[in-house]
Each structure stands twice: as structure tokens, then as C-alpha cells.
């Protein structure tokens, strides 16, 4: 075999052996949410989850993203399917971003809380860290309900000692220009803002290199 060809082959194998352990060691971050995390109405690459994945690829390649978000999902639906998702992905971290649809449908908030806590318990059985994402409701749902809804997330985070993003849409929720025609789903322009909000809370959970 030609000496130059042998040399090229050796260099390729060395590079491969150096790369494979890094790929194998990549820990999974599971995003478990609804349409706000599934990128409703947007090309996949414009959603905040894809933007977060890109940032991880640049800054923390020892992590990767799996997005198990489903449009229309409630905490009840999430509770029913989280065990299968944990089993499939074995994530190091779960970004739990459910509850918005419960609130928009006026569902019982104690039930919502129980569902969120059940999902957190499932994560703990899998030795998985949880980043809880909070939401707020439009004022037309009435102050008593909207305030109680928002307090559910803060209460769970406090009692369970979890990191919390108090409001996923922080910084632009009152600006109609950042929302699609339905007034609910953020536009592509808003996605980097969401990604940055989540990143600030996620970064401390990443293990040191």
C-alpha cells in the first residue's frame, strides 16, 4: 500500500477515535412541552429549541437536544407519556414546559399541579434534573385564576427546589408584533428571546467540562 495512503488512513483513524468518545458521551436534554416548544407555525429550524440546540453545539457539544413537544399537549397528556419519553431518551436534563393549554382551557389548577409533580417524580426516578418553565395567562381569564395559575409553577419550584424560568415569554408578552395572527404563538422574531431566557436558567445545570 502506498505510504502516503497509509499515513492518511492512520490520521483518519486517529481523528475518528478522538471523536467517538465525545459523541458517545453527549448527554441528552429533553424538551417536553407543547406548541410553544414544538415551534407551531414556524419552520423547524426557527424554533427556540433549534436555536438552543445550535448554541449547545457551539458552546457545549457534550450535550444534545431531543424535542418531545406536541402541539396541544396538556399536563395530563404529558403525564401519560413522560415515562416512555424518559425510557427512550434517558436524558440528563428535562426542560418541562407544560401547563399553558391547561390554563387556556380553564382546567382545574390542582389537577395541573398534581400532573406536573407526577412528571417531576418520574424524572427523579430516572435521576434526571428538571428545569421548570412557567407561564402566565392573558388577563381576560380573570385575576383570581391567572394569579393562581402563575403561582402553581413558583410553588412547585420552591417546594421541590427546582430551577425555574418564571415566564417563558418574558420581555415581549405584551408586544403584539412578536406574535402570530392567533395572538398566542410567538413569531420567528421572538424565538431568540425565548432561547436566551431558557439558556440563562439551563446553563447552571450543565455539568462542568
N, C-alpha and C. Protein backbone atom coordinates (compact mmCIF):
# COMPACT_ATOMS: atom_id res chain seq x y z
N UNK A 1 0.85 -1.19 0.00
CA UNK A 1 0.00 0.00 0.00
C UNK A 1 0.89 1.25 0.00
N UNK A 2 0.49 2.24 -0.75
CA UNK A 2 1.24 3.48 -0.85
C UNK A 2 1.42 4.11 0.54
N UNK A 3 2.64 4.57 0.84
CA UNK A 3 2.96 5.12 2.16
C UNK A 3 2.11 6.34 2.49
N UNK A 4 1.89 7.18 1.48
CA UNK A 4 1.06 8.37 1.72
C UNK A 4 -0.37 7.99 2.06
N UNK A 5 -0.88 6.95 1.37
CA UNK A 5 -2.24 6.48 1.65
C UNK A 5 -2.34 5.91 3.05
N UNK A 6 -1.28 5.16 3.46
CA UNK A 6 -1.25 4.60 4.81
C UNK A 6 -1.27 5.72 5.84
N UNK A 7 -0.48 6.75 5.59
CA UNK A 7 -0.42 7.90 6.51
C UNK A 7 -1.78 8.58 6.64
N UNK A 8 -2.48 8.76 5.52
CA UNK A 8 -3.81 9.38 5.53
C UNK A 8 -4.79 8.53 6.31
N UNK A 9 -4.71 7.22 6.13
CA UNK A 9 -5.60 6.30 6.82
C UNK A 9 -5.36 6.35 8.32
N UNK A 10 -4.11 6.40 8.72
CA UNK A 10 -3.78 6.46 10.15
C UNK A 10 -4.32 7.74 10.77
N UNK A 11 -4.13 8.87 10.05
CA UNK A 11 -4.63 10.15 10.57
C UNK A 11 -6.15 10.13 10.70
N UNK A 12 -6.82 9.51 9.74
CA UNK A 12 -8.29 9.41 9.78
C UNK A 12 -8.74 8.59 10.98
N UNK A 13 -8.05 7.46 11.21
CA UNK A 13 -8.44 6.59 12.33
C UNK A 13 -8.20 7.26 13.67
N UNK A 14 -7.10 8.01 13.75
CA UNK A 14 -6.83 8.74 15.00
C UNK A 14 -7.90 9.77 15.26
N UNK A 15 -8.28 10.52 14.23
CA UNK A 15 -9.34 11.53 14.37
C UNK A 15 -10.66 10.89 14.76
N UNK A 16 -10.93 9.72 14.16
CA UNK A 16 -12.18 9.01 14.46
C UNK A 16 -12.22 8.57 15.91
N UNK A 17 -11.11 8.00 16.40
CA UNK A 17 -11.05 7.52 17.78
C UNK A 17 -11.15 8.67 18.78
N UNK A 18 -10.64 9.84 18.38
CA UNK A 18 -10.74 11.00 19.27
C UNK A 18 -12.14 11.57 19.31
N UNK A 19 -12.88 11.43 18.21
CA UNK A 19 -14.22 12.00 18.11
C UNK A 19 -15.29 11.11 18.71
N UNK A 20 -15.15 9.81 18.56
CA UNK A 20 -16.20 8.89 19.02
C UNK A 20 -16.50 8.99 20.50
N UNK A 21 -15.49 9.07 21.39
CA UNK A 21 -15.82 9.20 22.81
C UNK A 21 -16.63 10.45 23.12
N UNK A 22 -16.34 11.56 22.44
CA UNK A 22 -17.10 12.79 22.67
C UNK A 22 -18.55 12.60 22.24
N UNK A 23 -18.74 11.94 21.08
CA UNK A 23 -20.11 11.71 20.60
C UNK A 23 -20.86 10.80 21.55
N UNK A 24 -20.17 9.74 22.03
CA UNK A 24 -20.83 8.78 22.91
C UNK A 24 -21.19 9.41 24.25
N UNK A 25 -20.36 10.39 24.68
CA UNK A 25 -20.56 10.98 25.99
C UNK A 25 -21.59 12.09 25.99
N UNK A 26 -22.09 12.48 24.83
CA UNK A 26 -23.04 13.59 24.77
C UNK A 26 -24.29 13.26 25.58
N UNK A 27 -24.60 14.12 26.54
CA UNK A 27 -25.78 13.93 27.38
C UNK A 27 -26.99 14.58 26.70
N UNK A 28 -28.14 14.00 26.94
CA UNK A 28 -29.37 14.48 26.29
C UNK A 28 -30.13 15.45 27.19
N UNK A 29 -30.58 16.54 26.59
CA UNK A 29 -31.53 17.46 27.21
C UNK A 29 -32.86 17.26 26.52
N UNK A 30 -33.85 16.81 27.24
CA UNK A 30 -35.17 16.53 26.67
C UNK A 30 -36.09 17.73 26.89
N UNK A 31 -36.59 18.29 25.81
CA UNK A 31 -37.57 19.37 25.89
C UNK A 31 -38.94 18.73 25.82
N UNK A 32 -39.74 18.93 26.86
CA UNK A 32 -41.02 18.25 27.00
C UNK A 32 -42.10 19.31 27.17
N UNK A 33 -42.68 19.74 26.04
CA UNK A 33 -43.63 20.84 26.10
C UNK A 33 -44.77 20.72 25.12
N UNK A 34 -45.34 21.88 24.78
CA UNK A 34 -46.50 21.95 23.89
C UNK A 34 -46.13 22.69 22.62
N UNK A 35 -47.10 23.35 21.99
CA UNK A 35 -46.85 24.03 20.71
C UNK A 35 -45.82 25.15 20.82
N UNK A 36 -45.70 25.76 22.00
CA UNK A 36 -44.72 26.82 22.19
C UNK A 36 -43.29 26.30 22.05
N UNK A 37 -43.12 25.03 22.36
CA UNK A 37 -41.80 24.40 22.23
C UNK A 37 -41.68 23.59 20.95
N UNK A 38 -42.81 23.23 20.36
CA UNK A 38 -42.79 22.47 19.11
C UNK A 38 -42.60 23.37 17.89
N UNK A 39 -42.62 24.69 18.11
CA UNK A 39 -42.40 25.63 17.00
C UNK A 39 -43.60 25.77 16.09
N UNK A 40 -44.78 25.82 16.68
CA UNK A 40 -46.02 25.92 15.90
C UNK A 40 -45.97 27.10 14.92
N UNK A 41 -46.31 26.82 13.66
CA UNK A 41 -46.41 27.86 12.65
C UNK A 41 -45.08 28.34 12.10
N UNK A 42 -43.99 27.68 12.47
CA UNK A 42 -42.65 28.11 12.06
C UNK A 42 -41.89 26.96 11.41
N UNK A 43 -40.96 27.26 10.52
CA UNK A 43 -40.02 26.23 10.06
C UNK A 43 -39.27 25.68 11.27
N UNK A 44 -38.99 24.41 11.26
CA UNK A 44 -38.38 23.75 12.42
C UNK A 44 -37.13 24.46 12.90
N UNK A 45 -36.30 24.91 11.97
CA UNK A 45 -35.01 25.49 12.35
C UNK A 45 -35.14 26.86 13.01
N UNK A 46 -36.33 27.48 12.95
CA UNK A 46 -36.51 28.80 13.55
C UNK A 46 -37.01 28.75 14.98
N UNK A 47 -37.46 27.61 15.44
CA UNK A 47 -37.99 27.50 16.80
C UNK A 47 -36.90 27.64 17.85
N UNK A 48 -37.30 28.03 19.05
CA UNK A 48 -36.31 28.28 20.10
C UNK A 48 -35.54 27.03 20.48
N UNK A 49 -36.16 25.87 20.34
CA UNK A 49 -35.45 24.63 20.68
C UNK A 49 -34.30 24.40 19.70
N UNK A 50 -34.54 24.64 18.42
CA UNK A 50 -33.47 24.51 17.43
C UNK A 50 -32.37 25.54 17.67
N UNK A 51 -32.75 26.74 18.06
CA UNK A 51 -31.75 27.77 18.36
C UNK A 51 -30.92 27.37 19.58
N UNK A 52 -31.57 26.78 20.57
CA UNK A 52 -30.85 26.32 21.75
C UNK A 52 -29.91 25.17 21.39
N UNK A 53 -30.37 24.29 20.53
CA UNK A 53 -29.54 23.18 20.07
C UNK A 53 -28.28 23.69 19.36
N UNK A 54 -28.46 24.73 18.55
CA UNK A 54 -27.33 25.32 17.85
C UNK A 54 -26.33 25.92 18.84
N UNK A 55 -26.85 26.54 19.86
CA UNK A 55 -25.96 27.14 20.86
C UNK A 55 -25.18 26.07 21.61
N UNK A 56 -25.85 24.99 21.95
CA UNK A 56 -25.17 23.89 22.62
C UNK A 56 -24.08 23.31 21.73
N UNK A 57 -24.38 23.19 20.45
CA UNK A 57 -23.42 22.63 19.52
C UNK A 57 -22.15 23.48 19.48
N UNK A 58 -22.33 24.80 19.61
CA UNK A 58 -21.18 25.71 19.57
C UNK A 58 -20.45 25.79 20.90
N UNK A 59 -21.23 25.82 22.00
CA UNK A 59 -20.62 26.09 23.30
C UNK A 59 -20.47 24.85 24.19
N UNK A 60 -21.38 23.90 24.05
CA UNK A 60 -21.34 22.70 24.88
C UNK A 60 -21.68 21.46 24.05
N UNK A 61 -20.74 21.04 23.19
CA UNK A 61 -21.02 19.88 22.33
C UNK A 61 -21.17 18.57 23.08
N UNK A 62 -20.92 18.60 24.40
CA UNK A 62 -21.12 17.40 25.21
C UNK A 62 -22.60 17.21 25.57
N UNK A 63 -23.45 18.09 25.05
CA UNK A 63 -24.90 17.96 25.22
C UNK A 63 -25.60 17.98 23.87
N UNK A 64 -26.74 17.30 23.80
CA UNK A 64 -27.57 17.30 22.61
C UNK A 64 -29.02 17.47 23.03
N UNK A 65 -29.86 17.84 22.07
CA UNK A 65 -31.27 18.12 22.35
C UNK A 65 -32.16 17.03 21.74
N UNK A 66 -33.17 16.64 22.49
CA UNK A 66 -34.27 15.82 21.95
C UNK A 66 -35.55 16.57 22.27
N UNK A 67 -36.35 16.83 21.26
CA UNK A 67 -37.58 17.60 21.46
C UNK A 67 -38.79 16.67 21.37
N UNK A 68 -39.45 16.46 22.51
CA UNK A 68 -40.63 15.60 22.56
C UNK A 68 -41.89 16.44 22.79
N UNK A 69 -41.88 17.68 22.31
CA UNK A 69 -43.02 18.58 22.49
C UNK A 69 -44.10 18.28 21.44
N UNK A 70 -45.36 18.42 21.85
CA UNK A 70 -46.50 18.15 20.97
C UNK A 70 -47.48 19.31 21.06
N UNK A 71 -47.88 19.83 19.92
CA UNK A 71 -48.87 20.91 19.90
C UNK A 71 -50.17 20.44 20.54
N UNK A 72 -50.73 21.31 21.38
CA UNK A 72 -51.98 20.99 22.05
C UNK A 72 -51.83 20.18 23.32
N UNK A 73 -50.62 19.83 23.67
CA UNK A 73 -50.40 18.97 24.85
C UNK A 73 -50.77 19.68 26.15
N UNK A 74 -51.36 18.92 27.05
CA UNK A 74 -51.67 19.39 28.40
C UNK A 74 -50.79 18.65 29.40
N UNK A 75 -50.85 19.05 30.66
CA UNK A 75 -50.07 18.33 31.67
C UNK A 75 -50.58 16.90 31.83
N UNK A 76 -51.88 16.70 31.60
CA UNK A 76 -52.42 15.34 31.67
C UNK A 76 -51.83 14.45 30.60
N UNK A 77 -51.77 14.97 29.38
CA UNK A 77 -51.17 14.20 28.30
C UNK A 77 -49.69 13.95 28.53
N UNK A 78 -49.01 14.97 29.04
CA UNK A 78 -47.59 14.81 29.34
C UNK A 78 -47.35 13.76 30.42
N UNK A 79 -48.21 13.77 31.42
CA UNK A 79 -48.08 12.78 32.50
C UNK A 79 -48.21 11.36 31.95
N UNK A 80 -49.08 11.19 30.97
CA UNK A 80 -49.31 9.86 30.41
C UNK A 80 -48.15 9.35 29.56
N UNK A 81 -47.36 10.25 29.01
CA UNK A 81 -46.33 9.80 28.08
C UNK A 81 -44.89 10.06 28.54
N UNK A 82 -44.71 10.68 29.71
CA UNK A 82 -43.34 11.04 30.09
C UNK A 82 -42.48 9.82 30.40
N UNK A 83 -43.06 8.78 30.96
CA UNK A 83 -42.25 7.60 31.28
C UNK A 83 -41.64 7.00 30.02
N UNK A 84 -42.43 6.93 28.95
CA UNK A 84 -41.92 6.38 27.69
C UNK A 84 -40.83 7.28 27.12
N UNK A 85 -41.01 8.60 27.24
CA UNK A 85 -40.00 9.53 26.73
C UNK A 85 -38.70 9.42 27.52
N UNK A 86 -38.81 9.29 28.84
CA UNK A 86 -37.62 9.13 29.67
C UNK A 86 -36.90 7.83 29.35
N UNK A 87 -37.67 6.79 29.14
CA UNK A 87 -37.09 5.49 28.81
C UNK A 87 -36.38 5.53 27.47
N UNK A 88 -36.97 6.24 26.51
CA UNK A 88 -36.40 6.30 25.16
C UNK A 88 -35.14 7.14 25.08
N UNK A 89 -35.13 8.26 25.81
CA UNK A 89 -34.03 9.23 25.66
C UNK A 89 -33.01 9.21 26.79
N UNK A 90 -33.39 8.71 27.97
CA UNK A 90 -32.50 8.69 29.12
C UNK A 90 -31.80 10.04 29.31
N UNK A 91 -32.58 11.12 29.42
CA UNK A 91 -31.98 12.46 29.46
C UNK A 91 -31.28 12.76 30.77
N UNK A 92 -30.28 13.63 30.69
CA UNK A 92 -29.64 14.15 31.89
C UNK A 92 -30.48 15.28 32.48
N UNK A 93 -31.17 16.01 31.59
CA UNK A 93 -31.98 17.16 31.99
C UNK A 93 -33.28 17.15 31.21
N UNK A 94 -34.37 17.46 31.88
CA UNK A 94 -35.66 17.66 31.21
C UNK A 94 -36.07 19.11 31.38
N UNK A 95 -36.37 19.77 30.26
CA UNK A 95 -36.96 21.10 30.29
C UNK A 95 -38.47 20.90 30.22
N UNK A 96 -39.13 21.06 31.35
CA UNK A 96 -40.56 20.77 31.46
C UNK A 96 -41.35 22.05 31.21
N UNK A 97 -41.99 22.11 30.05
CA UNK A 97 -42.67 23.34 29.61
C UNK A 97 -44.12 23.08 29.27
N UNK A 98 -44.86 22.57 30.23
CA UNK A 98 -46.29 22.27 30.03
C UNK A 98 -47.14 23.05 31.03
N UNK A 99 -48.40 23.25 30.67
CA UNK A 99 -49.34 23.94 31.55
C UNK A 99 -50.12 25.04 30.84
N UNK A 100 -49.55 25.58 29.76
CA UNK A 100 -50.23 26.67 29.06
C UNK A 100 -51.61 26.26 28.57
N UNK A 101 -51.72 25.07 27.99
CA UNK A 101 -53.01 24.63 27.46
C UNK A 101 -54.02 24.31 28.57
N UNK A 102 -53.51 23.86 29.72
CA UNK A 102 -54.40 23.66 30.87
C UNK A 102 -55.06 24.99 31.23
N UNK A 103 -54.23 26.03 31.31
CA UNK A 103 -54.74 27.34 31.68
C UNK A 103 -55.68 27.92 30.65
N UNK A 104 -55.32 27.82 29.38
CA UNK A 104 -56.16 28.37 28.31
C UNK A 104 -57.52 27.68 28.24
N UNK A 105 -57.57 26.44 28.70
CA UNK A 105 -58.84 25.70 28.71
C UNK A 105 -59.57 25.81 30.03
N UNK A 106 -58.99 26.58 30.95
CA UNK A 106 -59.65 26.78 32.24
C UNK A 106 -59.73 25.54 33.09
N UNK A 107 -58.76 24.66 32.95
CA UNK A 107 -58.81 23.39 33.69
C UNK A 107 -58.47 23.59 35.16
N UNK A 108 -58.81 22.59 35.95
CA UNK A 108 -58.58 22.64 37.39
C UNK A 108 -57.08 22.75 37.68
N UNK A 109 -56.71 23.75 38.45
CA UNK A 109 -55.30 24.02 38.68
C UNK A 109 -54.66 23.06 39.67
N UNK A 110 -55.45 22.49 40.55
CA UNK A 110 -54.91 21.47 41.45
C UNK A 110 -54.55 20.22 40.66
N UNK A 111 -55.36 19.91 39.66
CA UNK A 111 -55.05 18.77 38.79
C UNK A 111 -53.79 19.05 37.98
N UNK A 112 -53.67 20.27 37.48
CA UNK A 112 -52.46 20.64 36.75
C UNK A 112 -51.22 20.50 37.63
N UNK A 113 -51.33 20.99 38.84
CA UNK A 113 -50.21 20.89 39.77
C UNK A 113 -49.84 19.43 40.03
N UNK A 114 -50.85 18.59 40.25
CA UNK A 114 -50.59 17.17 40.51
C UNK A 114 -49.91 16.51 39.32
N UNK A 115 -50.33 16.89 38.11
CA UNK A 115 -49.71 16.32 36.91
C UNK A 115 -48.25 16.74 36.79
N UNK A 116 -47.97 18.01 37.03
CA UNK A 116 -46.59 18.49 36.96
C UNK A 116 -45.72 17.79 38.00
N UNK A 117 -46.25 17.64 39.21
CA UNK A 117 -45.48 16.98 40.27
C UNK A 117 -45.24 15.51 39.95
N UNK A 118 -46.22 14.86 39.32
CA UNK A 118 -46.04 13.46 38.94
C UNK A 118 -44.94 13.33 37.89
N UNK A 119 -44.89 14.27 36.94
CA UNK A 119 -43.83 14.23 35.92
C UNK A 119 -42.47 14.48 36.54
N UNK A 120 -42.40 15.37 37.51
CA UNK A 120 -41.14 15.64 38.20
C UNK A 120 -40.68 14.40 38.96
N UNK A 121 -41.61 13.71 39.59
CA UNK A 121 -41.26 12.48 40.30
C UNK A 121 -40.75 11.42 39.34
N UNK A 122 -41.35 11.34 38.16
CA UNK A 122 -40.86 10.39 37.15
C UNK A 122 -39.42 10.72 36.77
N UNK A 123 -39.14 12.00 36.58
CA UNK A 123 -37.77 12.42 36.24
C UNK A 123 -36.80 12.05 37.34
N UNK A 124 -37.20 12.22 38.57
CA UNK A 124 -36.31 11.91 39.68
C UNK A 124 -36.03 10.42 39.78
N UNK A 125 -37.01 9.60 39.43
CA UNK A 125 -36.76 8.16 39.43
C UNK A 125 -35.72 7.79 38.38
N UNK A 126 -35.64 8.60 37.32
CA UNK A 126 -34.64 8.36 36.28
C UNK A 126 -33.35 9.15 36.54
N UNK A 127 -33.22 9.73 37.74
CA UNK A 127 -32.04 10.52 38.09
C UNK A 127 -31.82 11.69 37.12
N UNK A 128 -32.92 12.31 36.72
CA UNK A 128 -32.89 13.38 35.72
C UNK A 128 -33.17 14.73 36.37
N UNK A 129 -32.35 15.72 36.07
CA UNK A 129 -32.60 17.07 36.55
C UNK A 129 -33.78 17.68 35.79
N UNK A 130 -34.49 18.58 36.45
CA UNK A 130 -35.65 19.23 35.83
C UNK A 130 -35.48 20.75 35.87
N UNK A 131 -35.69 21.36 34.72
CA UNK A 131 -35.82 22.81 34.63
C UNK A 131 -37.29 23.10 34.33
N UNK A 132 -37.97 23.73 35.26
CA UNK A 132 -39.40 24.00 35.12
C UNK A 132 -39.61 25.35 34.43
N UNK A 133 -40.46 25.35 33.42
CA UNK A 133 -40.77 26.57 32.68
C UNK A 133 -42.16 27.06 33.06
N UNK A 134 -42.24 28.26 33.58
CA UNK A 134 -43.52 28.83 33.99
C UNK A 134 -44.19 29.62 32.88
N UNK A 135 -45.49 29.82 33.04
CA UNK A 135 -46.29 30.58 32.07
C UNK A 135 -47.20 31.54 32.79
N UNK A 136 -47.75 32.48 32.04
CA UNK A 136 -48.79 33.39 32.51
C UNK A 136 -49.95 33.32 31.53
N UNK A 137 -51.13 33.74 31.98
CA UNK A 137 -52.31 33.76 31.14
C UNK A 137 -52.73 35.19 30.82
N UNK A 138 -53.44 35.38 29.72
CA UNK A 138 -53.97 36.72 29.41
C UNK A 138 -54.92 37.18 30.51
N UNK A 139 -55.03 38.48 30.73
CA UNK A 139 -55.86 39.00 31.82
C UNK A 139 -57.34 38.70 31.69
N UNK A 140 -57.80 38.37 30.48
CA UNK A 140 -59.23 38.12 30.30
C UNK A 140 -59.72 36.85 31.00
N UNK A 141 -58.81 36.07 31.56
CA UNK A 141 -59.21 34.89 32.31
C UNK A 141 -59.56 35.23 33.76
N UNK A 142 -59.39 36.50 34.13
CA UNK A 142 -59.73 36.94 35.47
C UNK A 142 -58.54 36.85 36.41
N UNK A 143 -58.39 37.86 37.24
CA UNK A 143 -57.24 37.95 38.14
C UNK A 143 -57.11 36.75 39.08
N UNK A 144 -58.19 36.28 39.73
CA UNK A 144 -58.02 35.16 40.66
C UNK A 144 -57.44 33.91 40.00
N UNK A 145 -57.96 33.57 38.81
CA UNK A 145 -57.50 32.36 38.13
C UNK A 145 -56.08 32.55 37.59
N UNK A 146 -55.81 33.70 36.96
CA UNK A 146 -54.49 33.91 36.35
C UNK A 146 -53.39 33.96 37.40
N UNK A 147 -53.66 34.58 38.54
CA UNK A 147 -52.65 34.65 39.59
C UNK A 147 -52.41 33.28 40.20
N UNK A 148 -53.48 32.53 40.42
CA UNK A 148 -53.32 31.18 40.98
C UNK A 148 -52.56 30.29 39.99
N UNK A 149 -52.86 30.46 38.71
CA UNK A 149 -52.18 29.69 37.67
C UNK A 149 -50.67 29.95 37.73
N UNK A 150 -50.30 31.20 37.76
CA UNK A 150 -48.88 31.55 37.77
C UNK A 150 -48.19 31.05 39.04
N UNK A 151 -48.89 31.09 40.16
CA UNK A 151 -48.28 30.67 41.42
C UNK A 151 -48.03 29.17 41.48
N UNK A 152 -48.73 28.40 40.66
CA UNK A 152 -48.51 26.95 40.65
C UNK A 152 -47.04 26.65 40.35
N UNK A 153 -46.50 27.28 39.33
CA UNK A 153 -45.12 27.00 38.92
C UNK A 153 -44.13 27.43 39.99
N UNK A 154 -44.31 28.62 40.53
CA UNK A 154 -43.40 29.12 41.56
C UNK A 154 -43.48 28.24 42.81
N UNK A 155 -44.69 27.79 43.14
CA UNK A 155 -44.86 26.95 44.32
C UNK A 155 -44.17 25.61 44.18
N UNK A 156 -44.32 25.00 43.02
CA UNK A 156 -43.67 23.71 42.78
C UNK A 156 -42.15 23.87 42.82
N UNK A 157 -41.65 24.90 42.16
CA UNK A 157 -40.21 25.12 42.13
C UNK A 157 -39.65 25.33 43.53
N UNK A 158 -40.38 26.08 44.34
CA UNK A 158 -39.92 26.36 45.71
C UNK A 158 -39.94 25.08 46.55
N UNK A 159 -41.04 24.34 46.49
CA UNK A 159 -41.18 23.16 47.33
C UNK A 159 -40.28 22.02 46.88
N UNK A 160 -40.08 21.90 45.59
CA UNK A 160 -39.25 20.82 45.05
C UNK A 160 -37.80 21.23 44.85
N UNK A 161 -37.49 22.51 45.15
CA UNK A 161 -36.14 23.03 44.99
C UNK A 161 -35.65 22.85 43.55
N UNK A 162 -36.46 23.32 42.62
CA UNK A 162 -36.14 23.22 41.20
C UNK A 162 -35.78 24.58 40.62
N UNK A 163 -34.89 24.62 39.65
CA UNK A 163 -34.68 25.86 38.91
C UNK A 163 -35.92 26.18 38.10
N UNK A 164 -36.23 27.46 37.99
CA UNK A 164 -37.47 27.89 37.36
C UNK A 164 -37.23 29.05 36.41
N UNK A 165 -37.82 28.96 35.23
CA UNK A 165 -37.99 30.13 34.36
C UNK A 165 -39.40 30.65 34.68
N UNK A 166 -39.54 31.77 35.37
CA UNK A 166 -40.86 32.21 35.81
C UNK A 166 -41.87 32.40 34.68
N UNK A 167 -41.37 32.86 33.52
CA UNK A 167 -42.29 33.14 32.41
C UNK A 167 -41.54 32.95 31.10
N UNK A 168 -41.96 31.97 30.32
CA UNK A 168 -41.28 31.66 29.06
C UNK A 168 -41.24 32.86 28.11
N UNK A 169 -42.30 33.66 28.10
CA UNK A 169 -42.42 34.76 27.15
C UNK A 169 -41.99 36.09 27.76
N UNK A 170 -41.14 36.02 28.75
CA UNK A 170 -40.69 37.22 29.45
C UNK A 170 -40.03 38.20 28.49
N UNK A 171 -40.40 39.48 28.61
CA UNK A 171 -39.76 40.52 27.84
C UNK A 171 -40.49 40.94 26.58
N UNK A 172 -41.49 40.14 26.15
CA UNK A 172 -42.19 40.52 24.92
C UNK A 172 -43.67 40.14 24.91
N UNK A 173 -44.18 39.60 26.00
CA UNK A 173 -45.55 39.07 26.03
C UNK A 173 -46.61 40.12 25.69
N UNK A 174 -46.33 41.39 25.97
CA UNK A 174 -47.32 42.44 25.72
C UNK A 174 -47.13 43.13 24.38
N UNK A 175 -46.17 42.66 23.61
CA UNK A 175 -45.89 43.25 22.31
C UNK A 175 -46.50 42.38 21.20
N UNK A 176 -47.59 42.84 20.61
CA UNK A 176 -48.31 42.04 19.62
C UNK A 176 -47.47 41.74 18.38
N UNK A 177 -46.45 42.53 18.13
CA UNK A 177 -45.62 42.31 16.95
C UNK A 177 -44.82 41.01 17.04
N UNK A 178 -44.71 40.46 18.24
CA UNK A 178 -43.94 39.23 18.44
C UNK A 178 -44.81 37.97 18.38
N UNK A 179 -46.08 38.15 17.98
CA UNK A 179 -46.99 37.01 17.96
C UNK A 179 -47.61 36.81 16.59
N UNK A 180 -47.92 35.56 16.30
CA UNK A 180 -48.58 35.23 15.05
C UNK A 180 -50.03 35.73 15.09
N UNK A 181 -50.73 35.54 14.01
CA UNK A 181 -52.09 36.09 13.87
C UNK A 181 -53.04 35.60 14.95
N UNK A 182 -52.78 34.41 15.52
CA UNK A 182 -53.67 33.89 16.56
C UNK A 182 -53.48 34.59 17.91
N UNK A 183 -52.43 35.42 18.02
CA UNK A 183 -52.18 36.13 19.26
C UNK A 183 -51.65 35.27 20.38
N UNK A 184 -51.35 34.01 20.10
CA UNK A 184 -50.90 33.07 21.13
C UNK A 184 -49.48 32.59 20.88
N UNK A 185 -49.19 32.25 19.63
CA UNK A 185 -47.90 31.64 19.31
C UNK A 185 -46.89 32.68 18.84
N UNK A 186 -45.71 32.68 19.45
CA UNK A 186 -44.68 33.67 19.09
C UNK A 186 -44.18 33.49 17.65
N UNK A 187 -43.77 34.58 17.06
CA UNK A 187 -43.20 34.56 15.71
C UNK A 187 -41.73 34.15 15.76
N UNK A 188 -41.14 34.05 14.57
CA UNK A 188 -39.71 33.73 14.49
C UNK A 188 -38.88 34.79 15.19
N UNK A 189 -39.33 36.02 15.14
CA UNK A 189 -38.60 37.13 15.77
C UNK A 189 -38.49 36.94 17.28
N UNK A 190 -39.47 36.28 17.87
CA UNK A 190 -39.47 36.10 19.33
C UNK A 190 -38.64 34.90 19.78
N UNK A 191 -38.36 33.97 18.89
CA UNK A 191 -37.71 32.72 19.28
C UNK A 191 -36.33 32.91 19.91
N UNK A 192 -35.48 33.81 19.39
CA UNK A 192 -34.19 34.01 20.07
C UNK A 192 -34.34 34.54 21.50
N UNK A 193 -35.40 35.30 21.75
CA UNK A 193 -35.63 35.81 23.10
C UNK A 193 -35.99 34.68 24.05
N UNK A 194 -36.82 33.75 23.57
CA UNK A 194 -37.17 32.58 24.39
C UNK A 194 -35.93 31.73 24.64
N UNK A 195 -35.17 31.49 23.58
CA UNK A 195 -33.96 30.67 23.71
C UNK A 195 -32.99 31.26 24.73
N UNK A 196 -32.86 32.57 24.73
CA UNK A 196 -31.95 33.24 25.68
C UNK A 196 -32.48 33.12 27.10
N UNK A 197 -33.79 33.28 27.27
CA UNK A 197 -34.40 33.15 28.60
C UNK A 197 -34.18 31.75 29.16
N UNK A 198 -34.39 30.73 28.34
CA UNK A 198 -34.20 29.35 28.78
C UNK A 198 -32.73 29.07 29.04
N UNK A 199 -31.86 29.57 28.17
CA UNK A 199 -30.44 29.31 28.29
C UNK A 199 -29.88 29.81 29.62
N UNK A 200 -30.32 30.97 30.06
CA UNK A 200 -29.82 31.54 31.32
C UNK A 200 -30.11 30.62 32.50
N UNK A 201 -31.26 29.95 32.46
CA UNK A 201 -31.60 29.04 33.56
C UNK A 201 -31.00 27.66 33.36
N UNK A 202 -30.79 27.27 32.11
CA UNK A 202 -30.25 25.95 31.82
C UNK A 202 -28.75 25.86 32.08
N UNK A 203 -28.04 26.90 31.74
CA UNK A 203 -26.57 26.86 31.81
C UNK A 203 -26.02 26.39 33.14
N UNK A 204 -26.56 26.83 34.31
CA UNK A 204 -26.02 26.34 35.58
C UNK A 204 -26.23 24.85 35.82
N UNK A 205 -27.14 24.23 35.06
CA UNK A 205 -27.41 22.80 35.26
C UNK A 205 -26.44 21.91 34.48
N UNK A 206 -25.73 22.50 33.54
CA UNK A 206 -24.81 21.71 32.71
C UNK A 206 -23.58 21.37 33.52
N UNK A 207 -23.19 20.11 33.46
CA UNK A 207 -22.01 19.69 34.21
C UNK A 207 -20.77 20.37 33.68
N UNK A 208 -19.80 20.54 34.53
CA UNK A 208 -18.56 21.20 34.13
C UNK A 208 -17.78 20.31 33.18
N UNK A 209 -17.16 20.95 32.21
CA UNK A 209 -16.36 20.21 31.23
C UNK A 209 -15.08 19.73 31.88
